[in-house]
Amino acid sequence: QVQLVESGGGLVQPGGSLRLSCAAFGFTFSSHWMYWVRQVPGKGLEWVSAINTGDGSAFYPNSVKGRFTISRDNAKNMLYLQMNSLKSEDTAVYHCVKGESGDSSSEPRFEYDDWGQGTQVTVSS
């Protein structure tokens, strides 16, 4: 029943921007942490952003901090990832991931539950 559908991927030049979207179905979206996780060749899986269920606080690894912004619209069951200043090393398949439930967790626990199929992001000149 849970379904996560990503969109917005594509080819972009280094330094460019892209916004990914994820439409969520089949669960109480607002009650779950949400994540963007990418599959990078040679590195496997790498989380790139997390957003909590309470105040919408966001978390990022150093690799994307300052360049990526995660946001959510609970009224529309939508998750977004704004990616700026893209680099070639950002090339990956980006997945929208449903995470742990909870209204006021302070830190992400990376309890990945359900995954979208992913959308390809390619950063190349």
N, C-alpha and C. Protein backbone atom coordinates (compact mmCIF):
# COMPACT_ATOMS: atom_id res chain seq x y z
N GLN A 1 0.82 -1.21 0.00
CA GLN A 1 0.00 0.00 0.00
C GLN A 1 0.85 1.26 0.00
N VAL A 2 1.97 1.22 0.72
CA VAL A 2 2.87 2.36 0.73
C VAL A 2 3.49 2.52 -0.64
N GLN A 3 3.47 3.74 -1.13
CA GLN A 3 4.06 4.04 -2.41
C GLN A 3 4.75 5.40 -2.35
N LEU A 4 5.95 5.44 -2.87
CA LEU A 4 6.73 6.67 -2.93
C LEU A 4 7.18 6.85 -4.36
N VAL A 5 6.82 7.97 -4.95
CA VAL A 5 7.08 8.20 -6.36
C VAL A 5 7.92 9.45 -6.52
N GLU A 6 9.16 9.27 -6.95
CA GLU A 6 10.07 10.39 -7.15
C GLU A 6 9.95 10.94 -8.56
N SER A 7 10.28 12.20 -8.69
CA SER A 7 10.34 12.84 -9.99
C SER A 7 11.30 14.01 -9.91
N GLY A 8 11.68 14.52 -11.06
CA GLY A 8 12.51 15.70 -11.11
C GLY A 8 13.96 15.47 -11.46
N GLY A 9 14.37 14.22 -11.55
CA GLY A 9 15.74 13.94 -11.91
C GLY A 9 16.01 14.26 -13.37
N GLY A 10 17.28 14.26 -13.72
CA GLY A 10 17.66 14.54 -15.08
C GLY A 10 19.12 14.89 -15.19
N LEU A 11 19.47 15.44 -16.33
CA LEU A 11 20.84 15.84 -16.61
C LEU A 11 21.00 17.33 -16.34
N VAL A 12 22.03 17.66 -15.58
CA VAL A 12 22.29 19.05 -15.25
C VAL A 12 23.79 19.30 -15.28
N GLN A 13 24.19 20.50 -15.64
CA GLN A 13 25.60 20.84 -15.68
C GLN A 13 26.13 21.12 -14.28
N PRO A 14 27.43 20.92 -14.08
CA PRO A 14 28.02 21.27 -12.78
C PRO A 14 27.71 22.72 -12.42
N GLY A 15 27.38 22.93 -11.17
CA GLY A 15 26.99 24.25 -10.71
C GLY A 15 25.52 24.55 -10.84
N GLY A 16 24.81 23.69 -11.52
CA GLY A 16 23.39 23.88 -11.74
C GLY A 16 22.55 23.43 -10.57
N SER A 17 21.25 23.54 -10.75
CA SER A 17 20.29 23.20 -9.70
C SER A 17 19.23 22.25 -10.23
N LEU A 18 18.66 21.53 -9.31
CA LEU A 18 17.60 20.59 -9.63
C LEU A 18 16.73 20.42 -8.40
N ARG A 19 15.44 20.26 -8.60
CA ARG A 19 14.55 20.00 -7.49
C ARG A 19 13.86 18.66 -7.69
N LEU A 20 14.04 17.78 -6.72
CA LEU A 20 13.39 16.49 -6.73
C LEU A 20 12.11 16.55 -5.92
N SER A 21 11.12 15.80 -6.36
CA SER A 21 9.86 15.71 -5.64
C SER A 21 9.55 14.25 -5.35
N CYS A 22 8.83 14.03 -4.28
CA CYS A 22 8.39 12.70 -3.90
C CYS A 22 6.95 12.78 -3.45
N ALA A 23 6.09 12.05 -4.11
CA ALA A 23 4.69 11.95 -3.72
C ALA A 23 4.50 10.68 -2.91
N ALA A 24 3.92 10.81 -1.73
CA ALA A 24 3.77 9.69 -0.81
C ALA A 24 2.31 9.26 -0.71
N PHE A 25 2.12 7.96 -0.69
CA PHE A 25 0.78 7.39 -0.64
C PHE A 25 0.76 6.22 0.34
N GLY A 26 -0.39 6.00 0.97
CA GLY A 26 -0.62 4.78 1.72
C GLY A 26 -0.19 4.77 3.17
N PHE A 27 0.19 5.90 3.71
CA PHE A 27 0.55 5.99 5.13
C PHE A 27 0.37 7.41 5.61
N THR A 28 0.43 7.59 6.92
CA THR A 28 0.28 8.92 7.49
C THR A 28 1.61 9.65 7.34
N PHE A 29 1.73 10.36 6.27
CA PHE A 29 2.98 11.00 5.89
C PHE A 29 3.55 11.87 6.99
N SER A 30 2.69 12.66 7.62
CA SER A 30 3.14 13.63 8.61
C SER A 30 3.68 12.99 9.88
N SER A 31 3.47 11.69 10.07
CA SER A 31 3.91 11.01 11.29
C SER A 31 5.27 10.34 11.15
N HIS A 32 5.91 10.50 10.00
CA HIS A 32 7.16 9.81 9.75
C HIS A 32 8.29 10.75 9.37
N TRP A 33 9.46 10.41 9.88
CA TRP A 33 10.67 11.00 9.33
C TRP A 33 10.76 10.60 7.86
N MET A 34 11.30 11.48 7.06
CA MET A 34 11.52 11.19 5.66
C MET A 34 12.97 11.46 5.30
N TYR A 35 13.45 10.72 4.33
CA TYR A 35 14.85 10.80 3.93
C TYR A 35 14.98 10.82 2.42
N TRP A 36 16.06 11.42 1.99
CA TRP A 36 16.55 11.22 0.64
C TRP A 36 17.86 10.44 0.76
N VAL A 37 17.93 9.34 0.05
CA VAL A 37 19.10 8.48 0.07
C VAL A 37 19.53 8.22 -1.37
N ARG A 38 20.80 8.32 -1.63
CA ARG A 38 21.27 8.12 -3.00
C ARG A 38 22.16 6.89 -3.11
N GLN A 39 22.09 6.29 -4.27
CA GLN A 39 22.96 5.18 -4.62
C GLN A 39 24.06 5.71 -5.51
N VAL A 40 25.27 5.68 -5.00
CA VAL A 40 26.42 6.19 -5.72
C VAL A 40 27.33 5.02 -6.10
N PRO A 41 27.64 4.87 -7.38
CA PRO A 41 28.55 3.80 -7.78
C PRO A 41 29.87 3.87 -7.03
N GLY A 42 30.28 2.76 -6.46
CA GLY A 42 31.52 2.71 -5.70
C GLY A 42 31.37 3.08 -4.25
N LYS A 43 30.23 3.65 -3.88
CA LYS A 43 30.00 4.05 -2.50
C LYS A 43 28.78 3.38 -1.88
N GLY A 44 27.95 2.81 -2.67
CA GLY A 44 26.73 2.21 -2.16
C GLY A 44 25.71 3.27 -1.80
N LEU A 45 25.07 3.08 -0.66
CA LEU A 45 24.02 3.99 -0.23
C LEU A 45 24.58 5.10 0.65
N GLU A 46 24.08 6.29 0.43
CA GLU A 46 24.48 7.44 1.21
C GLU A 46 23.27 8.33 1.44
N TRP A 47 22.93 8.59 2.69
CA TRP A 47 21.84 9.52 2.98
C TRP A 47 22.32 10.92 2.68
N VAL A 48 21.45 11.72 2.12
CA VAL A 48 21.81 13.09 1.80
C VAL A 48 20.95 14.11 2.54
N SER A 49 19.86 13.66 3.12
CA SER A 49 19.05 14.58 3.91
C SER A 49 18.00 13.82 4.70
N ALA A 50 17.60 14.43 5.80
CA ALA A 50 16.56 13.88 6.66
C ALA A 50 15.73 15.02 7.19
N ILE A 51 14.46 14.77 7.39
CA ILE A 51 13.58 15.78 7.94
C ILE A 51 12.65 15.14 8.95
N ASN A 52 12.46 15.81 10.08
CA ASN A 52 11.70 15.22 11.16
C ASN A 52 10.21 15.42 10.99
N THR A 53 9.47 14.84 11.93
CA THR A 53 8.01 14.87 11.87
C THR A 53 7.39 16.03 12.63
N GLY A 54 8.17 16.67 13.48
CA GLY A 54 7.64 17.71 14.34
C GLY A 54 7.76 19.10 13.77
N ASP A 55 8.91 19.70 13.98
CA ASP A 55 9.12 21.08 13.56
C ASP A 55 9.75 21.20 12.18
N GLY A 56 9.95 20.08 11.51
CA GLY A 56 10.53 20.11 10.18
C GLY A 56 12.02 20.34 10.15
N SER A 57 12.70 20.11 11.27
CA SER A 57 14.14 20.28 11.31
C SER A 57 14.82 19.34 10.31
N ALA A 58 15.82 19.85 9.65
CA ALA A 58 16.50 19.12 8.60
C ALA A 58 17.93 18.79 8.98
N PHE A 59 18.44 17.71 8.41
CA PHE A 59 19.79 17.24 8.70
C PHE A 59 20.47 16.83 7.41
N TYR A 60 21.77 17.08 7.35
CA TYR A 60 22.54 16.80 6.14
C TYR A 60 23.93 16.33 6.50
N PRO A 61 24.48 15.46 5.68
CA PRO A 61 25.90 15.14 5.85
C PRO A 61 26.74 16.27 5.27
N ASN A 62 28.01 16.27 5.64
CA ASN A 62 28.89 17.33 5.19
C ASN A 62 29.02 17.40 3.67
N SER A 63 28.83 16.29 3.01
CA SER A 63 29.00 16.25 1.57
C SER A 63 28.01 17.14 0.82
N VAL A 64 26.86 17.41 1.42
CA VAL A 64 25.84 18.21 0.74
C VAL A 64 25.41 19.43 1.54
N LYS A 65 25.88 19.55 2.76
CA LYS A 65 25.47 20.65 3.63
C LYS A 65 25.77 21.99 2.97
N GLY A 66 24.78 22.85 2.98
CA GLY A 66 24.92 24.15 2.36
C GLY A 66 24.51 24.18 0.90
N ARG A 67 24.32 23.01 0.30
CA ARG A 67 23.94 22.94 -1.09
C ARG A 67 22.54 22.34 -1.29
N PHE A 68 22.18 21.40 -0.44
CA PHE A 68 20.88 20.72 -0.55
C PHE A 68 19.94 21.21 0.55
N THR A 69 18.67 21.27 0.22
CA THR A 69 17.64 21.63 1.20
C THR A 69 16.46 20.68 1.07
N ILE A 70 16.13 20.02 2.16
CA ILE A 70 14.98 19.14 2.19
C ILE A 70 13.79 19.90 2.78
N SER A 71 12.62 19.63 2.26
CA SER A 71 11.42 20.23 2.80
C SER A 71 10.25 19.29 2.59
N ARG A 72 9.18 19.55 3.29
CA ARG A 72 7.99 18.71 3.15
C ARG A 72 6.74 19.55 3.24
N ASP A 73 5.72 19.09 2.57
CA ASP A 73 4.40 19.70 2.63
C ASP A 73 3.45 18.62 3.10
N ASN A 74 3.18 18.61 4.40
CA ASN A 74 2.37 17.54 4.96
C ASN A 74 0.92 17.57 4.47
N ALA A 75 0.44 18.74 4.12
CA ALA A 75 -0.92 18.85 3.61
C ALA A 75 -1.07 18.17 2.25
N LYS A 76 0.04 18.11 1.51
CA LYS A 76 0.02 17.52 0.18
C LYS A 76 0.72 16.18 0.10
N ASN A 77 1.24 15.69 1.23
CA ASN A 77 2.00 14.45 1.26
C ASN A 77 3.15 14.47 0.26
N MET A 78 3.88 15.57 0.28
CA MET A 78 4.97 15.75 -0.67
C MET A 78 6.28 16.01 0.07
N LEU A 79 7.33 15.45 -0.46
CA LEU A 79 8.68 15.66 0.02
C LEU A 79 9.51 16.22 -1.12
N TYR A 80 10.40 17.15 -0.80
CA TYR A 80 11.20 17.81 -1.83
C TYR A 80 12.67 17.81 -1.45
N LEU A 81 13.50 17.88 -2.46
CA LEU A 81 14.92 18.08 -2.26
C LEU A 81 15.41 19.09 -3.28
N GLN A 82 15.75 20.26 -2.80
CA GLN A 82 16.32 21.29 -3.65
C GLN A 82 17.83 21.11 -3.64
N MET A 83 18.41 20.93 -4.80
CA MET A 83 19.83 20.70 -4.94
C MET A 83 20.45 21.84 -5.74
N ASN A 84 21.37 22.53 -5.12
CA ASN A 84 22.07 23.64 -5.76
C ASN A 84 23.56 23.35 -5.82
N SER A 85 24.24 24.10 -6.66
CA SER A 85 25.69 23.97 -6.81
C SER A 85 26.09 22.52 -7.01
N LEU A 86 25.42 21.86 -7.91
CA LEU A 86 25.63 20.43 -8.11
C LEU A 86 27.02 20.14 -8.65
N LYS A 87 27.55 19.02 -8.19
CA LYS A 87 28.87 18.56 -8.58
C LYS A 87 28.76 17.20 -9.26
N SER A 88 29.79 16.85 -9.99
CA SER A 88 29.77 15.56 -10.68
C SER A 88 29.60 14.41 -9.69
N GLU A 89 30.14 14.55 -8.50
CA GLU A 89 30.03 13.49 -7.50
C GLU A 89 28.63 13.35 -6.92
N ASP A 90 27.73 14.26 -7.27
CA ASP A 90 26.34 14.13 -6.87
C ASP A 90 25.56 13.19 -7.78
N THR A 91 26.19 12.77 -8.86
CA THR A 91 25.54 11.86 -9.78
C THR A 91 25.18 10.56 -9.06
N ALA A 92 23.91 10.20 -9.11
CA ALA A 92 23.43 9.03 -8.39
C ALA A 92 21.95 8.84 -8.69
N VAL A 93 21.44 7.71 -8.23
CA VAL A 93 20.01 7.51 -8.20
C VAL A 93 19.52 7.95 -6.83
N TYR A 94 18.60 8.88 -6.82
CA TYR A 94 18.09 9.44 -5.57
C TYR A 94 16.75 8.81 -5.21
N HIS A 95 16.68 8.29 -4.00
CA HIS A 95 15.49 7.63 -3.51
C HIS A 95 14.82 8.43 -2.41
N CYS A 96 13.52 8.51 -2.47
CA CYS A 96 12.70 9.00 -1.38
C CYS A 96 12.43 7.82 -0.45
N VAL A 97 12.66 8.01 0.85
CA VAL A 97 12.57 6.90 1.79
C VAL A 97 11.70 7.26 2.99
N LYS A 98 10.77 6.41 3.29
CA LYS A 98 9.94 6.54 4.49
C LYS A 98 10.71 6.00 5.68
N GLY A 99 10.76 6.77 6.75
CA GLY A 99 11.51 6.39 7.92
C GLY A 99 10.65 6.18 9.15
N GLU A 100 11.30 6.27 10.30
CA GLU A 100 10.67 5.98 11.57
C GLU A 100 9.56 6.96 11.89
N SER A 101 8.60 6.51 12.68
CA SER A 101 7.52 7.35 13.14
C SER A 101 7.92 8.09 14.41
N GLY A 102 7.18 9.15 14.71
CA GLY A 102 7.47 9.95 15.89
C GLY A 102 7.28 11.41 15.59
N ASP A 103 6.74 12.13 16.54
CA ASP A 103 6.39 13.53 16.32
C ASP A 103 7.47 14.51 16.71
N SER A 104 8.33 14.13 17.63
CA SER A 104 9.27 15.11 18.18
C SER A 104 10.67 14.57 18.42
N SER A 105 11.12 13.66 17.58
CA SER A 105 12.49 13.17 17.68
C SER A 105 13.46 14.30 17.37
N SER A 106 14.58 14.30 18.06
CA SER A 106 15.57 15.35 17.88
C SER A 106 16.59 15.03 16.81
N GLU A 107 16.87 13.76 16.62
CA GLU A 107 17.87 13.32 15.67
C GLU A 107 17.34 12.19 14.82
N PRO A 108 17.78 12.10 13.58
CA PRO A 108 17.35 10.98 12.74
C PRO A 108 17.95 9.67 13.22
N ARG A 109 17.18 8.61 13.10
CA ARG A 109 17.66 7.29 13.47
C ARG A 109 17.95 6.42 12.25
N PHE A 110 17.66 6.93 11.08
CA PHE A 110 17.93 6.26 9.82
C PHE A 110 17.29 4.87 9.76
N GLU A 111 16.07 4.79 10.23
CA GLU A 111 15.33 3.55 10.21
C GLU A 111 14.51 3.48 8.92
N TYR A 112 15.20 3.13 7.87
CA TYR A 112 14.57 3.10 6.54
C TYR A 112 13.53 2.01 6.47
N ASP A 113 12.38 2.35 5.98
CA ASP A 113 11.25 1.43 5.93
C ASP A 113 10.86 1.10 4.49
N ASP A 114 10.38 2.09 3.78
CA ASP A 114 9.94 1.90 2.41
C ASP A 114 10.69 2.84 1.49
N TRP A 115 10.94 2.35 0.28
CA TRP A 115 11.73 3.09 -0.69
C TRP A 115 10.97 3.34 -1.98
N GLY A 116 11.20 4.49 -2.56
CA GLY A 116 10.73 4.72 -3.90
C GLY A 116 11.68 4.09 -4.90
N GLN A 117 11.28 4.05 -6.14
CA GLN A 117 12.12 3.45 -7.18
C GLN A 117 13.36 4.27 -7.48
N GLY A 118 13.30 5.54 -7.23
CA GLY A 118 14.43 6.41 -7.44
C GLY A 118 14.35 7.18 -8.74
N THR A 119 15.06 8.28 -8.77
CA THR A 119 15.17 9.09 -9.97
C THR A 119 16.63 9.41 -10.22
N GLN A 120 17.04 9.28 -11.46
CA GLN A 120 18.45 9.46 -11.82
C GLN A 120 18.80 10.93 -11.91
N VAL A 121 19.88 11.30 -11.24
CA VAL A 121 20.45 12.63 -11.35
C VAL A 121 21.85 12.48 -11.92
N THR A 122 22.08 13.13 -13.03
CA THR A 122 23.39 13.08 -13.67
C THR A 122 23.93 14.50 -13.80
N VAL A 123 25.09 14.74 -13.22
CA VAL A 123 25.73 16.05 -13.27
C VAL A 123 26.94 15.93 -14.17
N SER A 124 26.87 16.56 -15.32
CA SER A 124 27.92 16.41 -16.31
C SER A 124 27.90 17.58 -17.27
N SER A 125 29.09 17.93 -17.75
CA SER A 125 29.20 19.00 -18.74
C SER A 125 28.85 18.47 -20.12
